[in-house]
PDB file of N, CA and C in Angstrom:
ATOM      1  N   UNK A   1      29.006  -8.252  11.152  1.00  0.00           N
ATOM      2  CA  UNK A   1      28.383  -9.572   9.968  1.00  0.00           C
ATOM      3  C   UNK A   1      26.796  -9.754  10.756  1.00  0.00           C
ATOM      4  N   UNK A   2      25.889  -9.782  10.264  1.00  0.00           N
ATOM      5  CA  UNK A   2      24.514 -10.279  10.687  1.00  0.00           C
ATOM      6  C   UNK A   2      24.169 -11.143  11.076  1.00  0.00           C
ATOM      7  N   UNK A   3      23.219 -11.625  11.385  1.00  0.00           N
ATOM      8  CA  UNK A   3      22.720 -12.767  11.996  1.00  0.00           C
ATOM      9  C   UNK A   3      22.428 -13.523  10.789  1.00  0.00           C
ATOM     10  N   UNK A   4      22.208 -14.948  11.364  1.00  0.00           N
ATOM     11  CA  UNK A   4      21.629 -15.700  10.093  1.00  0.00           C
ATOM     12  C   UNK A   4      20.448 -16.221  10.817  1.00  0.00           C
ATOM     13  N   UNK A   5      19.389 -15.812   9.723  1.00  0.00           N
ATOM     14  CA  UNK A   5      18.046 -16.190  10.794  1.00  0.00           C
ATOM     15  C   UNK A   5      17.517 -17.435   9.878  1.00  0.00           C
ATOM     16  N   UNK A   6      18.442 -18.011   8.966  1.00  0.00           N
ATOM     17  CA  UNK A   6      17.955 -18.985   7.968  1.00  0.00           C
ATOM     18  C   UNK A   6      18.145 -20.421   9.314  1.00  0.00           C
ATOM     19  N   UNK A   7      17.026 -21.581   8.524  1.00  0.00           N
ATOM     20  CA  UNK A   7      17.004 -22.767   9.627  1.00  0.00           C
ATOM     21  C   UNK A   7      18.438 -23.632   9.260  1.00  0.00           C
ATOM     22  N   UNK A   8      18.281 -23.536   7.656  1.00  0.00           N
ATOM     23  CA  UNK A   8      19.035 -24.533   6.805  1.00  0.00           C
ATOM     24  C   UNK A   8      19.661 -24.203   6.176  1.00  0.00           C
ATOM     25  N   UNK A   9      20.388 -24.749   4.897  1.00  0.00           N
ATOM     26  CA  UNK A   9      20.639 -24.811   3.690  1.00  0.00           C
ATOM     27  C   UNK A   9      20.049 -24.075   2.641  1.00  0.00           C
ATOM     28  N   UNK A  10      18.693 -24.065   2.874  1.00  0.00           N
ATOM     29  CA  UNK A  10      17.601 -24.204   1.669  1.00  0.00           C
ATOM     30  C   UNK A  10      17.122 -23.001   1.935  1.00  0.00           C
ATOM     31  N   UNK A  11      17.571 -22.146   2.586  1.00  0.00           N
ATOM     32  CA  UNK A  11      17.065 -20.620   3.169  1.00  0.00           C
ATOM     33  C   UNK A  11      15.512 -20.596   3.066  1.00  0.00           C
ATOM     34  N   UNK A  12      15.096 -21.425   4.668  1.00  0.00           N
ATOM     35  CA  UNK A  12      14.095 -21.388   5.087  1.00  0.00           C
ATOM     36  C   UNK A  12      14.593 -21.005   6.461  1.00  0.00           C
ATOM     37  N   UNK A  13      13.398 -19.910   6.586  1.00  0.00           N
ATOM     38  CA  UNK A  13      13.326 -19.131   8.145  1.00  0.00           C
ATOM     39  C   UNK A  13      12.201 -20.070   9.168  1.00  0.00           C
ATOM     40  N   UNK A  14      12.772 -20.125   9.821  1.00  0.00           N
ATOM     41  CA  UNK A  14      11.456 -20.254  11.094  1.00  0.00           C
ATOM     42  C   UNK A  14      10.618 -19.531  11.516  1.00  0.00           C
ATOM     43  N   UNK A  15       9.642 -19.306  11.714  1.00  0.00           N
ATOM     44  CA  UNK A  15       8.570 -18.197  12.071  1.00  0.00           C
ATOM     45  C   UNK A  15       9.148 -17.197  12.842  1.00  0.00           C
ATOM     46  N   UNK A  16       9.918 -18.107  14.137  1.00  0.00           N
ATOM     47  CA  UNK A  16       9.942 -17.226  15.591  1.00  0.00           C
ATOM     48  C   UNK A  16      11.626 -16.330  15.004  1.00  0.00           C
ATOM     49  N   UNK A  17      12.140 -17.248  14.242  1.00  0.00           N
ATOM     50  CA  UNK A  17      13.255 -15.957  13.512  1.00  0.00           C
ATOM     51  C   UNK A  17      12.785 -14.810  12.562  1.00  0.00           C
ATOM     52  N   UNK A  18      12.024 -14.903  11.921  1.00  0.00           N
ATOM     53  CA  UNK A  18      11.360 -14.112  11.357  1.00  0.00           C
ATOM     54  C   UNK A  18      10.664 -12.868  12.075  1.00  0.00           C
ATOM     55  N   UNK A  19       9.997 -13.505  12.934  1.00  0.00           N
ATOM     56  CA  UNK A  19       9.665 -12.052  14.448  1.00  0.00           C
ATOM     57  C   UNK A  19      10.713 -11.776  15.023  1.00  0.00           C
ATOM     58  N   UNK A  20      11.762 -12.300  15.025  1.00  0.00           N
ATOM     59  CA  UNK A  20      13.133 -11.318  15.863  1.00  0.00           C
ATOM     60  C   UNK A  20      13.213 -10.752  14.494  1.00  0.00           C
ATOM     61  N   UNK A  21      13.628 -11.068  13.689  1.00  0.00           N
ATOM     62  CA  UNK A  21      14.389 -10.321  12.360  1.00  0.00           C
ATOM     63  C   UNK A  21      13.381  -8.791  12.199  1.00  0.00           C
ATOM     64  N   UNK A  22      12.252  -9.087  12.088  1.00  0.00           N
ATOM     65  CA  UNK A  22      11.165  -8.037  12.038  1.00  0.00           C
ATOM     66  C   UNK A  22      11.071  -7.149  13.257  1.00  0.00           C
ATOM     67  N   UNK A  23      10.963  -7.740  14.275  1.00  0.00           N
ATOM     68  CA  UNK A  23      11.511  -6.984  15.466  1.00  0.00           C
ATOM     69  C   UNK A  23      12.684  -6.113  15.731  1.00  0.00           C
ATOM     70  N   UNK A  24      13.857  -6.613  15.181  1.00  0.00           N
ATOM     71  CA  UNK A  24      15.240  -5.564  15.192  1.00  0.00           C
ATOM     72  C   UNK A  24      15.550  -5.079  14.000  1.00  0.00           C
ATOM     73  N   UNK A  25      14.757  -4.936  12.792  1.00  0.00           N
ATOM     74  CA  UNK A  25      14.660  -4.709  11.613  1.00  0.00           C
ATOM     75  C   UNK A  25      13.604  -3.008  12.309  1.00  0.00           C
ATOM     76  N   UNK A  26      12.747  -3.412  12.549  1.00  0.00           N
ATOM     77  CA  UNK A  26      11.419  -2.127  12.324  1.00  0.00           C
ATOM     78  C   UNK A  26      12.203  -1.484  13.844  1.00  0.00           C
ATOM     79  N   UNK A  27      12.604  -1.761  14.786  1.00  0.00           N
ATOM     80  CA  UNK A  27      13.084  -1.429  16.327  1.00  0.00           C
ATOM     81  C   UNK A  27      11.983  -1.248  17.163  1.00  0.00           C
ATOM     82  N   UNK A  28      11.587  -2.705  17.000  1.00  0.00           N
ATOM     83  CA  UNK A  28       9.778  -2.575  18.093  1.00  0.00           C
ATOM     84  C   UNK A  28      10.278  -3.211  19.069  1.00  0.00           C
ATOM     85  N   UNK A  29       9.719  -2.207  20.329  1.00  0.00           N
ATOM     86  CA  UNK A  29      10.202  -2.578  21.589  1.00  0.00           C
ATOM     87  C   UNK A  29       9.903  -3.458  21.988  1.00  0.00           C
ATOM     88  N   UNK A  30       8.607  -3.976  22.071  1.00  0.00           N
ATOM     89  CA  UNK A  30       7.950  -5.379  22.563  1.00  0.00           C
ATOM     90  C   UNK A  30       8.091  -6.496  21.962  1.00  0.00           C
ATOM     91  N   UNK A  31       9.240  -7.368  22.138  1.00  0.00           N
ATOM     92  CA  UNK A  31       9.746  -8.175  21.474  1.00  0.00           C
ATOM     93  C   UNK A  31       9.278  -9.594  21.824  1.00  0.00           C
ATOM     94  N   UNK A  32       7.944  -9.452  22.278  1.00  0.00           N
ATOM     95  CA  UNK A  32       7.211 -10.808  22.770  1.00  0.00           C
ATOM     96  C   UNK A  32       5.869 -10.835  21.691  1.00  0.00           C
ATOM     97  N   UNK A  33       6.741 -10.797  20.338  1.00  0.00           N
ATOM     98  CA  UNK A  33       5.745 -10.776  19.395  1.00  0.00           C
ATOM     99  C   UNK A  33       5.094 -12.442  18.960  1.00  0.00           C
ATOM    100  N   UNK A  34       4.246 -12.543  18.782  1.00  0.00           N
ATOM    101  CA  UNK A  34       3.493 -14.106  18.041  1.00  0.00           C
ATOM    102  C   UNK A  34       3.129 -14.188  16.990  1.00  0.00           C
ATOM    103  N   UNK A  35       3.072 -15.194  15.992  1.00  0.00           N
ATOM    104  CA  UNK A  35       2.182 -15.369  14.785  1.00  0.00           C
ATOM    105  C   UNK A  35       0.880 -14.508  14.710  1.00  0.00           C
ATOM    106  N   UNK A  36       0.105 -14.531  15.746  1.00  0.00           N
ATOM    107  CA  UNK A  36      -1.337 -13.589  16.265  1.00  0.00           C
ATOM    108  C   UNK A  36      -1.561 -12.480  16.021  1.00  0.00           C
ATOM    109  N   UNK A  37       0.301 -11.416  16.767  1.00  0.00           N
ATOM    110  CA  UNK A  37       0.223 -10.568  16.737  1.00  0.00           C
ATOM    111  C   UNK A  37      -0.297  -9.845  15.914  1.00  0.00           C
ATOM    112  N   UNK A  38      -1.221  -8.756  15.986  1.00  0.00           N
ATOM    113  CA  UNK A  38      -1.952  -7.639  14.967  1.00  0.00           C
ATOM    114  C   UNK A  38      -0.906  -6.781  14.319  1.00  0.00           C
ATOM    115  N   UNK A  39      -0.352  -6.564  13.538  1.00  0.00           N
ATOM    116  CA  UNK A  39       0.578  -5.472  13.276  1.00  0.00           C
ATOM    117  C   UNK A  39       0.082  -4.040  13.359  1.00  0.00           C
ATOM    118  N   UNK A  40      -1.008  -3.514  13.144  1.00  0.00           N
ATOM    119  CA  UNK A  40      -1.832  -2.342  13.397  1.00  0.00           C
ATOM    120  C   UNK A  40      -1.990  -2.295  15.085  1.00  0.00           C
ATOM    121  N   UNK A  41      -1.554  -3.395  16.000  1.00  0.00           N
ATOM    122  CA  UNK A  41      -1.637  -3.183  17.561  1.00  0.00           C
ATOM    123  C   UNK A  41      -0.447  -2.963  18.089  1.00  0.00           C
ATOM    124  N   UNK A  42       0.850  -2.862  17.087  1.00  0.00           N
ATOM    125  CA  UNK A  42       2.345  -1.944  17.825  1.00  0.00           C
ATOM    126  C   UNK A  42       2.260  -0.701  17.912  1.00  0.00           C
ATOM    127  N   UNK A  43       2.150  -0.513  18.716  1.00  0.00           N
ATOM    128  CA  UNK A  43       2.790   0.886  19.061  1.00  0.00           C
ATOM    129  C   UNK A  43       3.215   1.439  18.094  1.00  0.00           C
ATOM    130  N   UNK A  44       4.984   0.987  17.539  1.00  0.00           N
ATOM    131  CA  UNK A  44       5.787   1.339  16.595  1.00  0.00           C
ATOM    132  C   UNK A  44       5.104   1.385  15.377  1.00  0.00           C
ATOM    133  N   UNK A  45       3.742   0.784  15.174  1.00  0.00           N
ATOM    134  CA  UNK A  45       3.592   0.649  13.432  1.00  0.00           C
ATOM    135  C   UNK A  45       3.046   1.778  12.813  1.00  0.00           C
ATOM    136  N   UNK A  46       3.702   2.557  12.194  1.00  0.00           N
ATOM    137  CA  UNK A  46       3.132   3.549  11.121  1.00  0.00           C
ATOM    138  C   UNK A  46       3.498   3.226   9.867  1.00  0.00           C
ATOM    139  N   UNK A  47       3.632   4.523   8.928  1.00  0.00           N
ATOM    140  CA  UNK A  47       3.523   4.022   7.198  1.00  0.00           C
ATOM    141  C   UNK A  47       5.380   4.341   7.856  1.00  0.00           C
ATOM    142  N   UNK A  48       5.927   4.426   8.104  1.00  0.00           N
ATOM    143  CA  UNK A  48       7.907   4.153   7.697  1.00  0.00           C
ATOM    144  C   UNK A  48       7.605   3.031   8.161  1.00  0.00           C
ATOM    145  N   UNK A  49       7.170   2.476   8.731  1.00  0.00           N
ATOM    146  CA  UNK A  49       7.616   1.333   9.278  1.00  0.00           C
ATOM    147  C   UNK A  49       7.000  -0.076   8.349  1.00  0.00           C
ATOM    148  N   UNK A  50       5.399   0.292   7.674  1.00  0.00           N
ATOM    149  CA  UNK A  50       4.941  -0.301   6.563  1.00  0.00           C
ATOM    150  C   UNK A  50       6.186  -0.033   5.086  1.00  0.00           C
ATOM    151  N   UNK A  51       6.896   0.499   5.260  1.00  0.00           N
ATOM    152  CA  UNK A  51       7.600   0.630   4.182  1.00  0.00           C
ATOM    153  C   UNK A  51       8.874  -0.275   4.652  1.00  0.00           C
ATOM    154  N   UNK A  52       9.393   0.084   5.900  1.00  0.00           N
ATOM    155  CA  UNK A  52      10.681  -0.898   6.132  1.00  0.00           C
ATOM    156  C   UNK A  52      10.125  -2.638   6.152  1.00  0.00           C
ATOM    157  N   UNK A  53       8.627  -2.575   6.385  1.00  0.00           N
ATOM    158  CA  UNK A  53       8.733  -4.168   6.226  1.00  0.00           C
ATOM    159  C   UNK A  53       8.730  -4.767   4.996  1.00  0.00           C
ATOM    160  N   UNK A  54       7.876  -3.832   3.705  1.00  0.00           N
ATOM    161  CA  UNK A  54       8.081  -3.864   2.308  1.00  0.00           C
ATOM    162  C   UNK A  54       9.564  -4.296   1.971  1.00  0.00           C
ATOM    163  N   UNK A  55      10.591  -3.169   2.356  1.00  0.00           N
ATOM    164  CA  UNK A  55      11.521  -3.376   1.891  1.00  0.00           C
ATOM    165  C   UNK A  55      12.276  -4.563   2.707  1.00  0.00           C
ATOM    166  N   UNK A  56      12.350  -5.079   3.703  1.00  0.00           N
ATOM    167  CA  UNK A  56      12.630  -6.264   4.596  1.00  0.00           C
ATOM    168  C   UNK A  56      12.304  -7.151   3.798  1.00  0.00           C
ATOM    169  N   UNK A  57      10.995  -7.409   3.375  1.00  0.00           N
ATOM    170  CA  UNK A  57      10.264  -8.916   2.753  1.00  0.00           C
ATOM    171  C   UNK A  57      11.101  -8.813   1.687  1.00  0.00           C
ATOM    172  N   UNK A  58      11.077  -7.889   0.821  1.00  0.00           N
ATOM    173  CA  UNK A  58      11.991  -7.793  -0.700  1.00  0.00           C
ATOM    174  C   UNK A  58      12.718  -8.196  -0.779  1.00  0.00           C
ATOM    175  N   UNK A  59      13.990  -7.635   0.358  1.00  0.00           N
ATOM    176  CA  UNK A  59      15.240  -8.287   0.447  1.00  0.00           C
ATOM    177  C   UNK A  59      15.413  -9.835   0.981  1.00  0.00           C
ATOM    178  N   UNK A  60      14.698  -9.762   2.010  1.00  0.00           N
ATOM    179  CA  UNK A  60      14.914 -11.176   2.342  1.00  0.00           C
ATOM    180  C   UNK A  60      14.508 -12.617   1.635  1.00  0.00           C
ATOM    181  N   UNK A  61      13.147 -12.484   1.386  1.00  0.00           N
ATOM    182  CA  UNK A  61      12.355 -13.429   0.442  1.00  0.00           C
ATOM    183  C   UNK A  61      12.354 -13.074  -0.614  1.00  0.00           C
ATOM    184  N   UNK A  62      12.518 -11.831  -1.393  1.00  0.00           N
ATOM    185  CA  UNK A  62      12.197 -11.520  -2.812  1.00  0.00           C
ATOM    186  C   UNK A  62      10.655 -11.769  -3.321  1.00  0.00           C
ATOM    187  N   UNK A  63       9.906 -11.021  -2.224  1.00  0.00           N
ATOM    188  CA  UNK A  63       8.415 -11.133  -2.608  1.00  0.00           C
ATOM    189  C   UNK A  63       7.893  -9.491  -2.017  1.00  0.00           C
ATOM    190  N   UNK A  64       7.726  -8.677  -3.375  1.00  0.00           N
ATOM    191  CA  UNK A  64       7.206  -7.857  -3.308  1.00  0.00           C
ATOM    192  C   UNK A  64       5.495  -7.388  -2.679  1.00  0.00           C
ATOM    193  N   UNK A  65       5.629  -6.510  -1.893  1.00  0.00           N
ATOM    194  CA  UNK A  65       4.540  -6.184  -0.920  1.00  0.00           C
ATOM    195  C   UNK A  65       4.047  -4.936  -1.309  1.00  0.00           C
ATOM    196  N   UNK A  66       2.355  -4.547  -1.553  1.00  0.00           N
ATOM    197  CA  UNK A  66       1.947  -3.435  -1.994  1.00  0.00           C
ATOM    198  C   UNK A  66       1.146  -3.237  -1.339  1.00  0.00           C
ATOM    199  N   UNK A  67       0.969  -1.582  -1.455  1.00  0.00           N
ATOM    200  CA  UNK A  67      -0.091  -1.288  -0.007  1.00  0.00           C
ATOM    201  C   UNK A  67      -1.196  -1.826   0.227  1.00  0.00           C
ATOM    202  N   UNK A  68      -1.480  -2.263  -0.853  1.00  0.00           N
ATOM    203  CA  UNK A  68      -2.898  -2.923  -1.043  1.00  0.00           C
ATOM    204  C   UNK A  68      -2.903  -4.137  -0.045  1.00  0.00           C
ATOM    205  N   UNK A  69      -1.448  -5.030  -0.259  1.00  0.00           N
ATOM    206  CA  UNK A  69      -1.565  -6.403   0.798  1.00  0.00           C
ATOM    207  C   UNK A  69      -1.197  -6.173   1.686  1.00  0.00           C
ATOM    208  N   UNK A  70      -0.777  -4.907   2.442  1.00  0.00           N
ATOM    209  CA  UNK A  70      -0.817  -4.449   3.765  1.00  0.00           C
ATOM    210  C   UNK A  70      -1.913  -4.078   4.455  1.00  0.00           C
ATOM    211  N   UNK A  71      -2.466  -3.650   3.558  1.00  0.00           N
ATOM    212  CA  UNK A  71      -4.219  -3.238   3.994  1.00  0.00           C
ATOM    213  C   UNK A  71      -4.869  -4.602   4.379  1.00  0.00           C
ATOM    214  N   UNK A  72      -4.652  -5.290   3.590  1.00  0.00           N
ATOM    215  CA  UNK A  72      -5.546  -6.994   3.629  1.00  0.00           C
ATOM    216  C   UNK A  72      -4.647  -7.883   4.449  1.00  0.00           C
ATOM    217  N   UNK A  73      -3.253  -7.273   5.015  1.00  0.00           N
ATOM    218  CA  UNK A  73      -2.988  -8.288   6.350  1.00  0.00           C
ATOM    219  C   UNK A  73      -2.852  -7.574   7.303  1.00  0.00           C
ATOM    220  N   UNK A  74      -3.275  -8.565   8.459  1.00  0.00           N
ATOM    221  CA  UNK A  74      -3.678  -8.455   9.893  1.00  0.00           C
ATOM    222  C   UNK A  74      -2.922  -8.539  10.796  1.00  0.00           C
ATOM    223  N   UNK A  75      -2.182  -9.931  10.920  1.00  0.00           N
ATOM    224  CA  UNK A  75      -1.242 -11.024  11.752  1.00  0.00           C
ATOM    225  C   UNK A  75       0.086 -11.042  10.939  1.00  0.00           C
ATOM    226  N   UNK A  76       1.380 -11.277  11.793  1.00  0.00           N
ATOM    227  CA  UNK A  76       2.077 -11.913  11.541  1.00  0.00           C
ATOM    228  C   UNK A  76       1.481 -13.071  10.569  1.00  0.00           C
ATOM    229  N   UNK A  77       0.559 -14.238  10.773  1.00  0.00           N
ATOM    230  CA  UNK A  77       0.176 -15.421  10.138  1.00  0.00           C
ATOM    231  C   UNK A  77      -0.015 -14.843   8.596  1.00  0.00           C
ATOM    232  N   UNK A  78      -1.037 -13.549   8.488  1.00  0.00           N
ATOM    233  CA  UNK A  78      -1.496 -13.295   7.167  1.00  0.00           C
ATOM    234  C   UNK A  78       0.016 -12.865   6.470  1.00  0.00           C
ATOM    235  N   UNK A  79       0.945 -12.290   7.191  1.00  0.00           N
ATOM    236  CA  UNK A  79       1.986 -11.734   6.594  1.00  0.00           C
ATOM    237  C   UNK A  79       3.181 -13.189   6.084  1.00  0.00           C
ATOM    238  N   UNK A  80       3.116 -13.903   6.865  1.00  0.00           N
ATOM    239  CA  UNK A  80       3.791 -15.181   6.123  1.00  0.00           C
ATOM    240  C   UNK A  80       2.858 -15.769   4.973  1.00  0.00           C
ATOM    241  N   UNK A  81       1.767 -16.065   5.391  1.00  0.00           N
ATOM    242  CA  UNK A  81       0.753 -16.729   4.233  1.00  0.00           C
ATOM    243  C   UNK A  81       1.042 -15.927   3.065  1.00  0.00           C
ATOM    244  N   UNK A  82       1.185 -14.536   2.984  1.00  0.00           N
ATOM    245  CA  UNK A  82       1.335 -13.447   1.437  1.00  0.00           C
ATOM    246  C   UNK A  82       2.693 -13.492   1.305  1.00  0.00           C
ATOM    247  N   UNK A  83       4.339 -13.701   1.966  1.00  0.00           N
ATOM    248  CA  UNK A  83       5.299 -14.546   1.601  1.00  0.00           C
ATOM    249  C   UNK A  83       5.569 -15.515   1.137  1.00  0.00           C
ATOM    250  N   UNK A  84       4.667 -16.661   1.256  1.00  0.00           N
ATOM    251  CA  UNK A  84       4.568 -17.960   1.019  1.00  0.00           C
ATOM    252  C   UNK A  84       5.173 -19.063   2.087  1.00  0.00           C
ATOM    253  N   UNK A  85       3.918 -19.872   2.690  1.00  0.00           N
ATOM    254  CA  UNK A  85       3.759 -20.334   3.587  1.00  0.00           C
ATOM    255  C   UNK A  85       5.510 -21.375   3.421  1.00  0.00           C
ATOM    256  N   UNK A  86       5.620 -21.474   2.081  1.00  0.00           N
ATOM    257  CA  UNK A  86       6.780 -22.604   1.949  1.00  0.00           C
ATOM    258  C   UNK A  86       8.281 -22.469   2.376  1.00  0.00           C
ATOM    259  N   UNK A  87       8.406 -20.691   2.273  1.00  0.00           N
ATOM    260  CA  UNK A  87       9.280 -19.914   2.451  1.00  0.00           C
ATOM    261  C   UNK A  87       9.885 -20.214   4.469  1.00  0.00           C
ATOM    262  N   UNK A  88       9.036 -20.946   4.805  1.00  0.00           N
ATOM    263  CA  UNK A  88       8.930 -20.949   6.935  1.00  0.00           C
ATOM    264  C   UNK A  88       9.467 -22.306   6.704  1.00  0.00           C
ATOM    265  N   UNK A  89       9.632 -22.924   7.865  1.00  0.00           N
ATOM    266  CA  UNK A  89       9.686 -24.161   8.912  1.00  0.00           C
ATOM    267  C   UNK A  89       8.969 -23.844  10.005  1.00  0.00           C
TER     268      UNK A  89
END
């Protein structure tokens, strides 16, 4: 059974749990991610992981990201804003 990354019964996730989930799902070796980390600075960042991120966000938050969205997202903070800050604690 998978980990529960949500902070409470309202299905609000902490930003740090989102970073952990991201690193695990996309198999990011450097797990010292912060909300200021730039996605494109990650050694593992490629088109496959971009698709994985799109799937992760859709499955976890019900938010559809497009290629155009990803082109404008630089940091995890940008990504969290795009997903919807109200979904995070």
